[in-house]
PDB file of all heavy atoms in Angstrom:
ATOM      1  N   ALA A   1       0.837  -1.208   0.000  1.00  0.00           N
ATOM      2  CA  ALA A   1       0.000   0.000   0.000  1.00  0.00           C
ATOM      3  C   ALA A   1       0.871   1.257   0.000  1.00  0.00           C
ATOM      4  O   ALA A   1       2.041   1.233   0.383  1.00  0.00           O
ATOM      5  CB  ALA A   1      -0.927   0.002   1.203  1.00  0.00           C
ATOM      6  N   VAL A   2       0.250   2.349  -0.429  1.00  0.00           N
ATOM      7  CA  VAL A   2       0.924   3.645  -0.453  1.00  0.00           C
ATOM      8  C   VAL A   2       0.454   4.461   0.749  1.00  0.00           C
ATOM      9  O   VAL A   2      -0.732   4.544   1.034  1.00  0.00           O
ATOM     10  CB  VAL A   2       0.605   4.414  -1.751  1.00  0.00           C
ATOM     11  CG1 VAL A   2       1.218   5.805  -1.719  1.00  0.00           C
ATOM     12  CG2 VAL A   2       1.107   3.637  -2.955  1.00  0.00           C
ATOM     13  N   LEU A   3       1.414   5.058   1.459  1.00  0.00           N
ATOM     14  CA  LEU A   3       1.110   5.909   2.606  1.00  0.00           C
ATOM     15  C   LEU A   3       0.893   7.333   2.101  1.00  0.00           C
ATOM     16  O   LEU A   3       1.841   8.022   1.739  1.00  0.00           O
ATOM     17  CB  LEU A   3       2.275   5.852   3.597  1.00  0.00           C
ATOM     18  CG  LEU A   3       2.019   6.292   5.030  1.00  0.00           C
ATOM     19  CD1 LEU A   3       1.033   5.353   5.714  1.00  0.00           C
ATOM     20  CD2 LEU A   3       3.330   6.332   5.803  1.00  0.00           C
ATOM     21  N   ASN A   4      -0.364   7.761   2.043  1.00  0.00           N
ATOM     22  CA  ASN A   4      -0.686   9.116   1.578  1.00  0.00           C
ATOM     23  C   ASN A   4      -0.771  10.046   2.791  1.00  0.00           C
ATOM     24  O   ASN A   4      -1.769  10.035   3.514  1.00  0.00           O
ATOM     25  CB  ASN A   4      -2.009   9.134   0.809  1.00  0.00           C
ATOM     26  CG  ASN A   4      -1.903   8.413  -0.513  1.00  0.00           C
ATOM     27  OD1 ASN A   4      -0.878   8.461  -1.178  1.00  0.00           O
ATOM     28  ND2 ASN A   4      -2.975   7.731  -0.902  1.00  0.00           N
ATOM     29  N   ILE A   5       0.279  10.831   2.994  1.00  0.00           N
ATOM     30  CA  ILE A   5       0.334  11.706   4.171  1.00  0.00           C
ATOM     31  C   ILE A   5      -0.411  13.001   3.865  1.00  0.00           C
ATOM     32  O   ILE A   5      -0.011  13.771   2.992  1.00  0.00           O
ATOM     33  CB  ILE A   5       1.790  11.996   4.561  1.00  0.00           C
ATOM     34  CG1 ILE A   5       2.526  10.683   4.842  1.00  0.00           C
ATOM     35  CG2 ILE A   5       1.837  12.905   5.778  1.00  0.00           C
ATOM     36  CD1 ILE A   5       4.009  10.851   5.076  1.00  0.00           C
ATOM     37  N   VAL A   6      -1.487  13.232   4.579  1.00  0.00           N
ATOM     38  CA  VAL A   6      -2.301  14.437   4.397  1.00  0.00           C
ATOM     39  C   VAL A   6      -1.710  15.600   5.182  1.00  0.00           C
ATOM     40  O   VAL A   6      -1.692  16.732   4.724  1.00  0.00           O
ATOM     41  CB  VAL A   6      -3.758  14.174   4.832  1.00  0.00           C
ATOM     42  CG1 VAL A   6      -4.618  15.424   4.649  1.00  0.00           C
ATOM     43  CG2 VAL A   6      -4.343  13.006   4.033  1.00  0.00           C
ATOM     44  N   ARG A   7      -1.208  15.304   6.385  1.00  0.00           N
ATOM     45  CA  ARG A   7      -0.634  16.354   7.244  1.00  0.00           C
ATOM     46  C   ARG A   7       0.741  15.918   7.747  1.00  0.00           C
ATOM     47  O   ARG A   7       0.859  14.947   8.481  1.00  0.00           O
ATOM     48  CB  ARG A   7      -1.553  16.653   8.431  1.00  0.00           C
ATOM     49  CG  ARG A   7      -2.866  17.304   8.013  1.00  0.00           C
ATOM     50  CD  ARG A   7      -3.747  17.607   9.212  1.00  0.00           C
ATOM     51  NE  ARG A   7      -5.010  18.187   8.783  1.00  0.00           N
ATOM     52  CZ  ARG A   7      -5.212  19.494   8.615  1.00  0.00           C
ATOM     53  NH1 ARG A   7      -4.238  20.340   8.882  1.00  0.00           N
ATOM     54  NH2 ARG A   7      -6.384  19.949   8.215  1.00  0.00           N
ATOM     55  N   HIS A   8       1.756  16.655   7.336  1.00  0.00           N
ATOM     56  CA  HIS A   8       3.113  16.397   7.822  1.00  0.00           C
ATOM     57  C   HIS A   8       3.326  17.068   9.174  1.00  0.00           C
ATOM     58  O   HIS A   8       4.245  16.707   9.912  1.00  0.00           O
ATOM     59  CB  HIS A   8       4.150  16.914   6.829  1.00  0.00           C
ATOM     60  CG  HIS A   8       4.175  16.147   5.546  1.00  0.00           C
ATOM     61  ND1 HIS A   8       4.951  15.019   5.370  1.00  0.00           N
ATOM     62  CD2 HIS A   8       3.505  16.327   4.380  1.00  0.00           C
ATOM     63  CE1 HIS A   8       4.775  14.550   4.148  1.00  0.00           C
ATOM     64  NE2 HIS A   8       3.904  15.322   3.526  1.00  0.00           N
ATOM     65  N   GLN A   9       2.512  18.066   9.480  1.00  0.00           N
ATOM     66  CA  GLN A   9       2.569  18.754  10.767  1.00  0.00           C
ATOM     67  C   GLN A   9       1.146  18.973  11.272  1.00  0.00           C
ATOM     68  O   GLN A   9       0.200  19.054  10.485  1.00  0.00           O
ATOM     69  CB  GLN A   9       3.269  20.110  10.640  1.00  0.00           C
ATOM     70  CG  GLN A   9       4.736  20.030  10.250  1.00  0.00           C
ATOM     71  CD  GLN A   9       5.382  21.402  10.215  1.00  0.00           C
ATOM     72  OE1 GLN A   9       4.751  22.404   9.846  1.00  0.00           O
ATOM     73  NE2 GLN A   9       6.651  21.477  10.605  1.00  0.00           N
ATOM     74  N   ILE A  10       1.015  19.069  12.591  1.00  0.00           N
ATOM     75  CA  ILE A  10      -0.282  19.346  13.194  1.00  0.00           C
ATOM     76  C   ILE A  10      -0.128  20.568  14.090  1.00  0.00           C
ATOM     77  O   ILE A  10       0.755  20.601  14.961  1.00  0.00           O
ATOM     78  CB  ILE A  10      -0.801  18.148  14.005  1.00  0.00           C
ATOM     79  CG1 ILE A  10      -1.029  16.952  13.080  1.00  0.00           C
ATOM     80  CG2 ILE A  10      -2.090  18.498  14.739  1.00  0.00           C
ATOM     81  CD1 ILE A  10      -1.440  15.687  13.793  1.00  0.00           C
ATOM     82  N   GLU A  11      -0.963  21.556  13.876  1.00  0.00           N
ATOM     83  CA  GLU A  11      -0.914  22.767  14.697  1.00  0.00           C
ATOM     84  C   GLU A  11      -1.652  22.515  16.005  1.00  0.00           C
ATOM     85  O   GLU A  11      -2.804  22.077  16.007  1.00  0.00           O
ATOM     86  CB  GLU A  11      -1.533  23.945  13.955  1.00  0.00           C
ATOM     87  CG  GLU A  11      -1.350  25.269  14.674  1.00  0.00           C
ATOM     88  CD  GLU A  11      -1.931  26.435  13.906  1.00  0.00           C
ATOM     89  OE1 GLU A  11      -3.179  26.562  13.878  1.00  0.00           O
ATOM     90  OE2 GLU A  11      -1.150  27.228  13.337  1.00  0.00           O
ATOM     91  N   VAL A  12      -0.967  22.796  17.112  1.00  0.00           N
ATOM     92  CA  VAL A  12      -1.553  22.566  18.433  1.00  0.00           C
ATOM     93  C   VAL A  12      -1.369  23.797  19.306  1.00  0.00           C
ATOM     94  O   VAL A  12      -0.591  24.702  18.977  1.00  0.00           O
ATOM     95  CB  VAL A  12      -0.909  21.341  19.130  1.00  0.00           C
ATOM     96  CG1 VAL A  12      -1.083  20.084  18.295  1.00  0.00           C
ATOM     97  CG2 VAL A  12       0.562  21.588  19.435  1.00  0.00           C
ATOM     98  N   ARG A  13      -2.085  23.774  20.427  1.00  0.00           N
ATOM     99  CA  ARG A  13      -1.910  24.809  21.444  1.00  0.00           C
ATOM    100  C   ARG A  13      -1.513  24.107  22.734  1.00  0.00           C
ATOM    101  O   ARG A  13      -2.116  23.115  23.127  1.00  0.00           O
ATOM    102  CB  ARG A  13      -3.197  25.606  21.623  1.00  0.00           C
ATOM    103  CG  ARG A  13      -3.018  26.861  22.462  1.00  0.00           C
ATOM    104  CD  ARG A  13      -4.041  27.938  22.131  1.00  0.00           C
ATOM    105  NE  ARG A  13      -3.769  29.173  22.852  1.00  0.00           N
ATOM    106  CZ  ARG A  13      -2.909  30.093  22.490  1.00  0.00           C
ATOM    107  NH1 ARG A  13      -2.213  29.903  21.382  1.00  0.00           N
ATOM    108  NH2 ARG A  13      -2.707  31.186  23.191  1.00  0.00           N
ATOM    109  N   CYS A  14      -0.467  24.642  23.388  1.00  0.00           N
ATOM    110  CA  CYS A  14       0.011  24.027  24.621  1.00  0.00           C
ATOM    111  C   CYS A  14       0.881  25.017  25.389  1.00  0.00           C
ATOM    112  O   CYS A  14       1.208  26.104  24.888  1.00  0.00           O
ATOM    113  CB  CYS A  14       0.803  22.756  24.319  1.00  0.00           C
ATOM    114  SG  CYS A  14       2.297  23.043  23.346  1.00  0.00           S
ATOM    115  N   LEU A  15       1.259  24.623  26.598  1.00  0.00           N
ATOM    116  CA  LEU A  15       2.193  25.434  27.369  1.00  0.00           C
ATOM    117  C   LEU A  15       3.582  25.347  26.751  1.00  0.00           C
ATOM    118  O   LEU A  15       3.973  24.308  26.216  1.00  0.00           O
ATOM    119  CB  LEU A  15       2.243  24.957  28.821  1.00  0.00           C
ATOM    120  CG  LEU A  15       0.998  25.196  29.677  1.00  0.00           C
ATOM    121  CD1 LEU A  15       1.182  24.570  31.053  1.00  0.00           C
ATOM    122  CD2 LEU A  15       0.706  26.687  29.817  1.00  0.00           C
ATOM    123  N   ALA A  16       4.330  26.436  26.840  1.00  0.00           N
ATOM    124  CA  ALA A  16       5.682  26.447  26.295  1.00  0.00           C
ATOM    125  C   ALA A  16       6.556  25.396  26.962  1.00  0.00           C
ATOM    126  O   ALA A  16       7.491  24.867  26.347  1.00  0.00           O
ATOM    127  CB  ALA A  16       6.297  27.829  26.475  1.00  0.00           C
ATOM    128  N   SER A  17       6.253  25.057  28.203  1.00  0.00           N
ATOM    129  CA  SER A  17       7.052  24.066  28.929  1.00  0.00           C
ATOM    130  C   SER A  17       6.669  22.634  28.566  1.00  0.00           C
ATOM    131  O   SER A  17       7.285  21.691  29.054  1.00  0.00           O
ATOM    132  CB  SER A  17       6.873  24.260  30.437  1.00  0.00           C
ATOM    133  OG  SER A  17       5.500  24.180  30.793  1.00  0.00           O
ATOM    134  N   ALA A  18       5.653  22.463  27.723  1.00  0.00           N
ATOM    135  CA  ALA A  18       5.166  21.110  27.396  1.00  0.00           C
ATOM    136  C   ALA A  18       5.063  20.877  25.893  1.00  0.00           C
ATOM    137  O   ALA A  18       4.194  20.138  25.429  1.00  0.00           O
ATOM    138  CB  ALA A  18       3.812  20.884  28.058  1.00  0.00           C
ATOM    139  N   ILE A  19       5.949  21.493  25.107  1.00  0.00           N
ATOM    140  CA  ILE A  19       5.915  21.324  23.657  1.00  0.00           C
ATOM    141  C   ILE A  19       6.426  19.928  23.296  1.00  0.00           C
ATOM    142  O   ILE A  19       7.568  19.585  23.614  1.00  0.00           O
ATOM    143  CB  ILE A  19       6.781  22.377  22.944  1.00  0.00           C
ATOM    144  CG1 ILE A  19       6.290  23.784  23.268  1.00  0.00           C
ATOM    145  CG2 ILE A  19       6.770  22.150  21.442  1.00  0.00           C
ATOM    146  CD1 ILE A  19       7.194  24.877  22.734  1.00  0.00           C
ATOM    147  N   PRO A  20       5.613  19.102  22.629  1.00  0.00           N
ATOM    148  CA  PRO A  20       6.103  17.776  22.223  1.00  0.00           C
ATOM    149  C   PRO A  20       7.069  17.914  21.048  1.00  0.00           C
ATOM    150  O   PRO A  20       6.914  18.796  20.201  1.00  0.00           O
ATOM    151  CB  PRO A  20       4.828  17.031  21.820  1.00  0.00           C
ATOM    152  CG  PRO A  20       3.854  18.107  21.439  1.00  0.00           C
ATOM    153  CD  PRO A  20       4.193  19.307  22.270  1.00  0.00           C
ATOM    154  N   SER A  21       8.067  17.022  21.005  1.00  0.00           N
ATOM    155  CA  SER A  21       9.022  17.075  19.894  1.00  0.00           C
ATOM    156  C   SER A  21       8.397  16.567  18.609  1.00  0.00           C
ATOM    157  O   SER A  21       8.793  16.959  17.508  1.00  0.00           O
ATOM    158  CB  SER A  21      10.268  16.254  20.228  1.00  0.00           C
ATOM    159  OG  SER A  21       9.908  14.902  20.492  1.00  0.00           O
ATOM    160  N   SER A  22       7.402  15.678  18.729  1.00  0.00           N
ATOM    161  CA  SER A  22       6.719  15.127  17.560  1.00  0.00           C
ATOM    162  C   SER A  22       5.379  14.545  17.999  1.00  0.00           C
ATOM    163  O   SER A  22       5.123  14.369  19.195  1.00  0.00           O
ATOM    164  CB  SER A  22       7.565  14.044  16.886  1.00  0.00           C
ATOM    165  OG  SER A  22       7.784  12.959  17.775  1.00  0.00           O
ATOM    166  N   ILE A  23       4.540  14.250  17.013  1.00  0.00           N
ATOM    167  CA  ILE A  23       3.276  13.558  17.256  1.00  0.00           C
ATOM    168  C   ILE A  23       3.344  12.218  16.539  1.00  0.00           C
ATOM    169  O   ILE A  23       3.536  12.165  15.324  1.00  0.00           O
ATOM    170  CB  ILE A  23       2.081  14.388  16.756  1.00  0.00           C
ATOM    171  CG1 ILE A  23       1.944  15.655  17.604  1.00  0.00           C
ATOM    172  CG2 ILE A  23       0.789  13.576  16.787  1.00  0.00           C
ATOM    173  CD1 ILE A  23       0.866  16.604  17.134  1.00  0.00           C
ATOM    174  N   GLU A  24       3.221  11.131  17.315  1.00  0.00           N
ATOM    175  CA  GLU A  24       3.370   9.792  16.746  1.00  0.00           C
ATOM    176  C   GLU A  24       2.048   9.245  16.225  1.00  0.00           C
ATOM    177  O   GLU A  24       1.021   9.342  16.900  1.00  0.00           O
ATOM    178  CB  GLU A  24       3.942   8.831  17.798  1.00  0.00           C
ATOM    179  CG  GLU A  24       5.388   9.097  18.142  1.00  0.00           C
ATOM    180  CD  GLU A  24       5.993   7.979  18.981  1.00  0.00           C
ATOM    181  OE1 GLU A  24       5.234   7.067  19.405  1.00  0.00           O
ATOM    182  OE2 GLU A  24       7.214   8.005  19.210  1.00  0.00           O
TER     183      GLU A  24
END
C-alpha cells in the first residue's frame, strides 16, 4: 500500500514548557 500523508505537521496549542518534539 501507499502511505498518503495528508498532514506532515499538526498545529496545536500548549504550554511552552510542554511542547512535544513530535506527534506519533
